[in-house]
Structure formats: structure tokens, C-alpha cells
């Protein structure tokens, strides 16, 4: 039976970890640079407008 190439598998795991770490660092940097964040945060003013009735809307 052929031996498994553990060093190849280990290298692939290391590359995957490095790729994930770089992606995480990139996302963190993007979130830091964007003004409102990236997690779907809406500006606070929009929520207040939706809750209050508008003058042009019929009651």
C-alpha cells in the first residue's frame, strides 16, 4: 500500500489557514475603512423617519 504524503497535506492546511487569515484581515480592514461598517448597519436617521408618519401621507 502506498504511503500518504503527510507533508503535502500539511502544506495544504497551512496554505488554507493563511488564506483564511488574509481574508479575515482584509474584511477587518474594509470594515475599519468604511464609515458605517459592513454588517448591514443602516444610518440611525432612516429608522426614525420610518417610525414617524409623514405630513404627505394620508392618515
C-alpha atoms as a PDB file:
ATOM      1  CA  UNK A   1       0.000   0.000   0.000  1.00  0.00           C
ATOM      2  CA  UNK A   2       1.258   3.499  -0.831  1.00  0.00           C
ATOM      3  CA  UNK A   3       2.195   5.872   1.960  1.00  0.00           C
ATOM      4  CA  UNK A   4       0.226   9.064   2.419  1.00  0.00           C
ATOM      5  CA  UNK A   5       2.178  12.227   1.722  1.00  0.00           C
ATOM      6  CA  UNK A   6       1.635  13.971   5.054  1.00  0.00           C
ATOM      7  CA  UNK A   7       3.917  16.890   4.237  1.00  0.00           C
ATOM      8  CA  UNK A   8       1.771  17.734   1.185  1.00  0.00           C
ATOM      9  CA  UNK A   9      -1.416  17.595   3.272  1.00  0.00           C
ATOM     10  CA  UNK A  10       0.178  19.702   5.997  1.00  0.00           C
ATOM     11  CA  UNK A  11       1.277  22.300   3.443  1.00  0.00           C
ATOM     12  CA  UNK A  12      -2.251  22.458   2.032  1.00  0.00           C
ATOM     13  CA  UNK A  13      -3.702  23.003   5.527  1.00  0.00           C
ATOM     14  CA  UNK A  14      -1.136  25.740   6.191  1.00  0.00           C
ATOM     15  CA  UNK A  15      -1.995  27.457   2.909  1.00  0.00           C
ATOM     16  CA  UNK A  16      -5.712  27.284   3.729  1.00  0.00           C
ATOM     17  CA  UNK A  17      -5.111  28.795   7.181  1.00  0.00           C
ATOM     18  CA  UNK A  18      -3.001  31.564   5.659  1.00  0.00           C
ATOM     19  CA  UNK A  19      -5.681  32.277   3.061  1.00  0.00           C
ATOM     20  CA  UNK A  20      -8.386  32.473   5.745  1.00  0.00           C
ATOM     21  CA  UNK A  21      -6.241  34.751   7.909  1.00  0.00           C
ATOM     22  CA  UNK A  22      -5.598  37.099   4.971  1.00  0.00           C
ATOM     23  CA  UNK A  23      -9.314  37.169   4.100  1.00  0.00           C
ATOM     24  CA  UNK A  24     -10.213  37.930   7.711  1.00  0.00           C
ATOM     25  CA  UNK A  25      -7.609  40.709   7.882  1.00  0.00           C
ATOM     26  CA  UNK A  26      -8.912  42.164   4.604  1.00  0.00           C
ATOM     27  CA  UNK A  27     -12.513  42.150   5.858  1.00  0.00           C
ATOM     28  CA  UNK A  28     -11.433  43.739   9.117  1.00  0.00           C
ATOM     29  CA  UNK A  29      -9.544  46.452   7.233  1.00  0.00           C
ATOM     30  CA  UNK A  30     -12.531  47.064   4.921  1.00  0.00           C
ATOM     31  CA  UNK A  31     -14.868  47.379   7.903  1.00  0.00           C
ATOM     32  CA  UNK A  32     -12.450  49.774   9.566  1.00  0.00           C
ATOM     33  CA  UNK A  33     -12.218  51.957   6.447  1.00  0.00           C
ATOM     34  CA  UNK A  34     -15.944  52.055   5.670  1.00  0.00           C
ATOM     35  CA  UNK A  35     -17.835  54.743   7.603  1.00  0.00           C
ATOM     36  CA  UNK A  36     -20.878  52.699   8.670  1.00  0.00           C
ATOM     37  CA  UNK A  37     -19.336  49.261   8.884  1.00  0.00           C
ATOM     38  CA  UNK A  38     -20.169  46.343   6.656  1.00  0.00           C
ATOM     39  CA  UNK A  39     -22.662  44.371   8.724  1.00  0.00           C
ATOM     40  CA  UNK A  40     -25.827  45.905   7.256  1.00  0.00           C
ATOM     41  CA  UNK A  41     -25.940  48.780   9.666  1.00  0.00           C
ATOM     42  CA  UNK A  42     -28.392  51.410   8.471  1.00  0.00           C
ATOM     43  CA  UNK A  43     -27.996  55.063   9.384  1.00  0.00           C
ATOM     44  CA  UNK A  44     -29.975  55.921  12.509  1.00  0.00           C
ATOM     45  CA  UNK A  45     -31.950  58.682  10.768  1.00  0.00           C
ATOM     46  CA  UNK A  46     -33.717  56.250   8.421  1.00  0.00           C
ATOM     47  CA  UNK A  47     -35.249  54.254  11.267  1.00  0.00           C
ATOM     48  CA  UNK A  48     -36.629  57.390  12.921  1.00  0.00           C
ATOM     49  CA  UNK A  49     -38.232  58.539   9.651  1.00  0.00           C
ATOM     50  CA  UNK A  50     -39.966  55.196   9.098  1.00  0.00           C
ATOM     51  CA  UNK A  51     -41.480  55.194  12.590  1.00  0.00           C
ATOM     52  CA  UNK A  52     -42.926  58.717  12.374  1.00  0.00           C
ATOM     53  CA  UNK A  53     -45.831  59.424   9.973  1.00  0.00           C
ATOM     54  CA  UNK A  54     -45.035  61.834   7.202  1.00  0.00           C
ATOM     55  CA  UNK A  55     -47.020  65.005   6.525  1.00  0.00           C
ATOM     56  CA  UNK A  56     -47.672  63.958   2.915  1.00  0.00           C
ATOM     57  CA  UNK A  57     -49.076  60.536   3.892  1.00  0.00           C
ATOM     58  CA  UNK A  58     -52.863  60.421   4.389  1.00  0.00           C
ATOM     59  CA  UNK A  59     -53.850  59.381   7.901  1.00  0.00           C
END
